[in-house]
Protein backbone atom coordinates (compact mmCIF):
# COMPACT_ATOMS: atom_id res chain seq x y z
CA MET A 1 59.47 44.54 21.52
CA THR A 2 56.13 46.39 21.26
CA LYS A 3 53.24 44.77 23.09
CA LEU A 4 49.92 45.29 21.31
CA ASN A 5 46.92 46.44 23.29
CA ALA A 6 43.31 47.43 22.62
CA ARG A 7 44.34 50.96 21.61
CA THR A 8 46.73 49.53 19.02
CA PHE A 9 43.98 47.49 17.37
CA SER A 10 41.70 50.53 17.39
CA SER A 11 44.39 52.56 15.57
CA LEU A 12 44.76 49.84 12.95
CA VAL A 13 41.27 50.63 11.67
CA TYR A 14 42.38 54.22 10.99
CA PHE A 15 45.59 52.97 9.40
CA GLU A 16 43.80 50.52 7.07
CA ALA A 17 41.46 53.22 5.76
CA SER A 18 44.33 55.69 5.29
CA GLY A 19 46.56 53.15 3.58
CA ARG A 20 43.80 51.95 1.28
CA LEU A 21 42.72 55.47 0.30
CA LEU A 22 46.19 57.09 0.63
CA SER A 23 44.51 60.11 2.17
CA PHE A 24 43.93 61.10 5.79
CA SER A 25 41.02 63.34 4.81
CA ALA A 26 39.29 60.60 2.75
CA ALA A 27 39.81 58.15 5.61
CA GLY A 28 38.30 60.67 8.01
CA LYS A 29 35.18 61.02 5.84
CA GLU A 30 34.77 57.23 5.60
CA LEU A 31 35.13 56.77 9.37
CA CYS A 32 33.16 59.93 10.23
CA VAL A 33 36.04 61.59 12.14
CA THR A 34 38.20 64.65 11.44
CA THR A 35 41.40 64.57 9.39
CA GLY A 36 43.26 65.70 12.52
CA ALA A 37 41.94 62.70 14.46
CA ILE A 38 43.20 60.34 11.77
CA SER A 39 46.62 62.00 11.66
CA GLN A 40 46.92 61.86 15.45
CA GLN A 41 45.99 58.13 15.57
CA ILE A 42 48.55 57.29 12.88
CA ARG A 43 51.27 59.24 14.67
CA LYS A 44 50.57 57.40 17.97
CA LEU A 45 50.54 54.05 16.15
CA GLU A 46 53.91 54.78 14.54
CA GLU A 47 55.36 55.76 17.90
CA GLN A 48 54.13 52.55 19.47
CA LEU A 49 55.34 50.34 16.61
CA GLY A 50 58.71 52.08 16.34
CA PHE A 51 58.68 52.56 12.57
CA LYS A 52 57.07 54.81 10.01
CA LEU A 53 53.96 53.70 8.13
CA PHE A 54 53.69 56.70 5.79
CA GLN A 55 55.95 59.21 4.15
CA ARG A 56 54.46 62.70 4.26
CA GLN A 57 54.99 64.49 0.97
CA PRO A 58 53.71 67.84 -0.41
CA SER A 59 51.46 65.94 -2.80
CA GLY A 60 50.07 63.66 -0.09
CA ILE A 61 51.05 60.47 1.72
CA VAL A 62 52.62 57.25 0.47
CA LEU A 63 53.17 53.97 2.26
CA THR A 64 56.63 52.99 3.42
CA GLN A 65 57.77 49.43 2.78
CA GLU A 66 56.87 48.62 6.38
CA GLY A 67 53.53 50.34 5.83
CA LYS A 68 52.80 48.18 2.79
CA GLU A 69 53.48 45.00 4.77
CA MET A 70 51.35 46.23 7.65
CA LEU A 71 48.49 47.19 5.31
CA ASN A 72 48.50 43.74 3.71
CA VAL A 73 48.18 41.85 7.00
CA THR A 74 45.75 44.41 8.48
CA GLN A 75 43.40 44.10 5.51
CA GLN A 76 43.52 40.31 5.72
CA SER A 77 42.64 40.48 9.41
CA ILE A 78 39.78 42.93 8.89
CA GLU A 79 38.39 40.81 6.03
CA SER A 80 38.49 37.74 8.29
CA VAL A 81 36.62 39.58 11.04
CA GLU A 82 34.03 40.87 8.55
CA MET A 83 33.56 37.35 7.19
CA VAL A 84 32.88 35.96 10.67
CA ILE A 85 30.47 38.81 11.43
CA ARG A 86 28.54 38.20 8.21
CA ARG A 87 28.33 34.48 8.97
CA LEU A 88 27.07 35.10 12.50
CA GLN A 89 24.55 37.69 11.35
CA ALA A 90 23.30 35.35 8.65
CA LYS A 91 22.89 32.61 11.25
CA LEU A 92 20.80 34.84 13.50
CA SER A 93 18.64 36.06 10.64
CA ASP A 94 18.34 32.65 8.96
CA ASN A 95 14.66 31.86 8.52
CA VAL A 96 15.23 28.20 7.58
CA VAL A 97 14.74 25.45 10.19
CA ARG A 98 16.13 22.01 9.41
CA LEU A 99 13.86 19.39 10.98
CA LYS A 100 14.63 15.69 11.05
CA SER A 101 12.34 12.81 11.99
CA THR A 102 11.30 9.31 10.92
CA PRO A 103 9.28 8.86 7.72
CA SER A 104 6.17 7.44 9.39
CA PHE A 105 5.88 10.26 11.88
CA VAL A 106 6.52 12.90 9.22
CA PHE A 107 3.90 11.52 6.82
CA LYS A 108 1.19 10.61 9.32
CA TRP A 109 1.50 13.31 12.02
CA LEU A 110 3.90 16.13 11.24
CA ILE A 111 2.94 17.33 7.76
CA PRO A 112 -0.61 18.42 8.70
CA LYS A 113 0.85 20.33 11.66
CA LEU A 114 3.42 22.07 9.45
CA GLN A 115 0.62 23.35 7.24
CA GLU A 116 -0.92 25.08 10.27
CA PHE A 117 2.49 26.38 11.37
CA ASN A 118 3.13 27.87 7.94
CA LEU A 119 -0.12 29.83 8.08
CA GLU A 120 0.95 31.34 11.40
CA TYR A 121 4.65 31.84 10.59
CA PRO A 122 4.92 32.19 6.79
CA HIS A 123 8.40 33.74 7.06
CA ILE A 124 9.89 30.58 8.66
CA LYS A 125 10.73 27.87 6.17
CA VAL A 126 10.88 24.33 7.56
CA GLU A 127 13.11 21.92 5.65
CA THR A 128 12.03 18.42 6.65
CA TYR A 129 14.26 15.37 6.32
CA ALA A 130 12.96 11.82 6.80
CA ASP A 131 15.26 9.24 5.29
CA GLU A 132 15.67 6.47 7.88
CA ALA A 133 13.35 4.09 9.73
CA LEU A 134 15.31 4.93 12.87
CA LEU A 135 16.50 8.46 13.47
CA GLU A 136 20.25 8.96 13.14
CA LEU A 137 21.31 11.59 15.68
CA ALA A 138 25.08 11.36 15.27
CA GLY A 139 26.50 14.56 13.84
CA ALA A 140 23.34 16.52 14.64
CA ASP A 141 22.99 17.88 11.10
CA PHE A 142 19.67 19.50 11.99
CA ASP A 143 18.22 22.33 14.07
CA ILE A 144 15.43 20.28 15.63
CA ALA A 145 14.50 16.59 15.58
CA ILE A 146 11.57 14.42 16.63
CA ASP A 147 12.49 10.92 17.77
CA TYR A 148 10.64 7.87 19.11
CA GLY A 149 12.52 6.80 22.20
CA ASP A 150 12.81 6.73 25.98
CA GLY A 151 13.69 10.41 26.44
CA GLN A 152 17.35 9.86 27.35
CA TYR A 153 19.36 11.90 24.84
CA GLU A 154 22.88 12.92 25.75
CA GLY A 155 23.93 16.18 24.13
CA PHE A 156 20.37 17.33 23.43
CA THR A 157 17.66 19.23 25.22
CA SER A 158 14.51 17.09 25.02
CA ASN A 159 10.81 17.80 25.50
CA LEU A 160 8.02 15.23 25.48
CA LEU A 161 5.90 15.91 22.40
CA VAL A 162 3.52 12.94 22.07
CA LYS A 163 2.70 10.45 24.80
CA GLU A 164 2.27 7.41 22.59
CA THR A 165 -0.26 4.56 22.76
CA LEU A 166 0.08 1.19 21.02
CA LEU A 167 -3.24 0.25 19.45
CA PRO A 168 -4.21 -2.81 17.36
CA VAL A 169 -6.12 -1.79 14.20
CA ILE A 170 -7.90 -3.66 11.40
CA SER A 171 -9.87 -2.86 8.28
CA PRO A 172 -13.68 -3.18 8.19
CA GLU A 173 -13.32 -6.13 5.80
CA TYR A 174 -10.84 -7.93 8.03
CA MET A 175 -13.11 -7.35 11.01
CA LYS A 176 -15.83 -9.44 9.34
CA GLN A 177 -13.58 -12.50 9.31
CA ALA A 178 -13.71 -13.13 13.08
CA ASN A 179 -15.46 -12.29 16.31
CA TRP A 180 -13.08 -9.66 17.67
CA ARG A 181 -14.91 -9.50 20.99
CA GLU A 182 -13.27 -12.83 21.77
CA LYS A 183 -9.79 -12.40 23.19
CA ASN A 184 -8.43 -15.60 21.63
CA THR A 185 -9.21 -14.30 18.12
CA LEU A 186 -5.66 -12.96 17.99
CA LYS A 187 -4.30 -16.52 18.05
CA ASP A 188 -5.41 -17.01 14.45
CA ALA A 189 -4.88 -13.43 13.26
CA SER A 190 -2.04 -12.31 11.01
CA LEU A 191 0.04 -9.82 13.00
CA LEU A 192 1.50 -6.86 11.10
CA HIS A 193 4.76 -5.52 12.57
CA ASP A 194 6.96 -2.47 12.43
CA ALA A 195 10.20 -4.46 12.47
CA MET A 196 12.32 -1.45 13.48
CA PRO A 197 10.30 0.38 16.18
CA TRP A 198 13.24 1.77 18.16
CA ILE A 199 17.01 1.35 18.40
CA ASP A 200 18.15 -2.20 19.22
CA ALA A 201 14.56 -3.51 19.34
CA GLU A 202 13.75 -7.05 18.21
CA ARG A 203 11.46 -7.41 15.22
CA ASP A 204 8.40 -8.32 17.28
CA ALA A 205 9.16 -5.97 20.19
CA GLU A 206 6.02 -3.82 19.96
CA TRP A 207 3.56 -6.71 19.66
CA ARG A 208 5.34 -8.59 22.44
CA PHE A 209 5.14 -5.49 24.65
CA TRP A 210 1.39 -5.04 23.94
CA LEU A 211 0.66 -8.72 24.64
CA ASP A 212 2.61 -8.62 27.90
CA GLN A 213 0.76 -5.49 29.03
CA THR A 214 -2.69 -6.89 28.15
CA LYS A 215 -1.80 -10.31 29.61
CA LEU A 216 -3.20 -12.23 26.64
CA PRO A 217 -1.62 -15.74 26.81
CA GLY A 218 -0.75 -18.24 24.12
CA ILE A 219 -0.20 -15.80 21.23
CA ASP A 220 2.97 -16.06 19.15
CA SER A 221 4.28 -12.51 18.78
CA THR A 222 6.73 -13.52 16.05
CA LYS A 223 4.12 -14.57 13.47
CA GLY A 224 2.76 -12.45 10.67
CA HIS A 225 4.24 -9.90 8.26
CA PHE A 226 7.11 -7.50 8.93
CA PHE A 227 7.78 -4.01 7.54
CA ASN A 228 10.58 -1.51 8.15
CA ARG A 229 8.18 1.45 8.36
CA SER A 230 5.21 1.68 10.72
CA TYR A 231 3.09 3.43 8.08
CA MET A 232 3.61 0.39 5.79
CA ALA A 233 2.16 -1.90 8.47
CA ILE A 234 -0.79 0.50 8.82
CA ALA A 235 -1.32 0.50 5.05
CA ALA A 236 -1.22 -3.31 5.07
CA ALA A 237 -3.94 -3.32 7.75
CA GLU A 238 -6.08 -0.98 5.62
CA ALA A 239 -5.64 -3.40 2.72
CA GLY A 240 -6.99 -6.25 4.88
CA LEU A 241 -3.71 -8.16 5.23
CA GLY A 242 -4.01 -8.53 9.00
CA ILE A 243 -4.01 -6.60 12.28
CA ALA A 244 -1.37 -3.91 12.79
CA LEU A 245 -0.10 -2.59 16.07
CA ALA A 246 -0.30 1.11 15.29
CA ARG A 247 0.86 4.14 17.20
CA ALA A 248 -2.31 6.04 18.00
CA SER A 249 -0.80 9.36 16.94
CA GLN A 250 -0.57 8.06 13.36
CA VAL A 251 -4.04 6.57 12.83
CA GLY A 252 -6.38 9.23 14.17
CA GLU A 253 -7.75 10.17 10.76
CA GLU A 254 -8.19 6.54 9.65
CA LEU A 255 -10.12 5.68 12.83
CA LYS A 256 -12.26 8.80 12.49
CA ASN A 257 -13.33 8.10 8.91
CA GLY A 258 -13.75 4.35 9.43
CA ARG A 259 -10.92 3.10 7.23
CA LEU A 260 -9.53 1.39 10.32
CA ILE A 261 -11.18 -0.02 13.43
CA ALA A 262 -9.66 -0.61 16.88
CA PRO A 263 -10.93 -3.97 18.20
CA PHE A 264 -8.90 -3.81 21.42
CA ASN A 265 -7.82 -1.13 23.85
CA GLY A 266 -4.41 0.40 23.44
CA VAL A 267 -1.69 0.45 26.06
CA PRO A 268 0.85 3.21 26.84
CA SER A 269 3.96 2.57 24.79
CA CYS A 270 7.40 2.07 26.32
CA CYS A 271 8.59 4.86 23.98
CA ASP A 272 7.22 8.30 23.18
CA TYR A 273 7.98 11.09 20.72
CA TYR A 274 10.46 13.73 21.90
CA LEU A 275 11.51 17.09 20.50
CA LEU A 276 15.32 17.39 20.42
CA ILE A 277 17.56 20.42 19.95
CA PRO A 278 21.37 20.01 19.98
CA LYS A 279 23.07 21.65 22.96
CA LYS A 280 26.13 22.50 20.87
CA GLY A 281 26.68 23.72 17.36
CA ARG A 282 24.41 25.72 15.14
CA ALA A 283 21.95 27.86 17.13
CA ASN A 284 18.72 28.75 15.36
CA ILE A 285 16.17 30.89 17.16
CA HIS A 286 13.44 29.81 14.72
CA ALA A 287 13.87 26.20 15.86
CA TYR A 288 12.70 27.29 19.30
CA VAL A 289 9.72 29.06 17.74
CA LEU A 290 8.76 25.80 16.00
CA LYS A 291 9.39 23.75 19.14
CA ASN A 292 7.17 25.97 21.30
CA TRP A 293 4.44 26.03 18.64
CA LEU A 294 4.38 22.23 18.38
CA LEU A 295 4.24 21.82 22.15
CA GLU A 296 1.31 24.25 22.31
CA HIS A 297 -0.65 22.59 19.50
CA VAL A 298 -0.17 18.89 20.22
CA ASP A 299 -3.26 16.99 21.37
CA MET A 300 -2.10 15.18 24.50
CA ASN A 301 -5.58 13.75 25.22
CA GLN A 302 -6.55 12.11 21.94
CA GLU A 303 -9.44 9.73 22.48
CA VAL A 304 -9.59 6.44 20.57
CA LYS A 305 -12.89 4.62 20.12
CA VAL A 306 -12.58 0.83 20.39
CA LEU A 307 -14.95 -1.85 19.23
CA ASP A 308 -15.75 -3.05 22.73
CA PRO A 309 -14.67 -0.99 25.78
CA SER A 310 -15.07 -4.06 27.98
CA VAL A 311 -12.17 -5.81 26.25
CA LYS A 312 -8.99 -5.00 28.16
């Protein structure tokens, strides 16, 4: 039985062109070799296989029955290889990056950054998906993701993007209702919660964490109003419904223009925002371009002005 080797597969390219065109000279022109080189490769292939592929006739060449069967399978194999090559080339040249994150972070932080990125890299198109309060990483149907968590992500390379701070915020109108320089003011305030801050968190987890860190006693962290998006709690604070525990990265503009006020100091959060790229699966070089750009342009030292710096 004939054992195929690298030379055999090389000869099959010459055979496929000759069988498809039924001409050694036409095959030679297509492959940029001489007619003699084609004829020699076919002869060696027939010797190795042990059967004839062509019948030489005065008018030209015709395929034998064995040649017809060989041509059919050879063309299928070459088409399969070409299909894989086209898919891989398309992947490498793909200028679309699929980015996934949570709605609040996309709306309040990411979109302004993407506008700047687009000015610098207009040829890279970022498709952004934000459809869950908590990011679903199973299946990794994205090129890059931004998640709020502890940084432990099996199956992903992770980079710290935003070191987050938890910061109570109120509207100017709500501020007038109490003396916020008094620490016990929070006892009577309506707390506004993101009820789904991170995976497996309890509904009051962020407020409870902030109160524990600031050591303010006697405040019920479970009271108030609950929302399943952090930006909804922020919007409720702007509307004067109560005091929201915001993530500082998402309220910079509101604090700057006075729509929100920070009556207390923030504390470092137990979670931060991380850039994630799957270790396996679809590789996209443009995702790394976006990742590096975001890491270079993030403000890691954002200052937040509070009502009274002496309040800890």
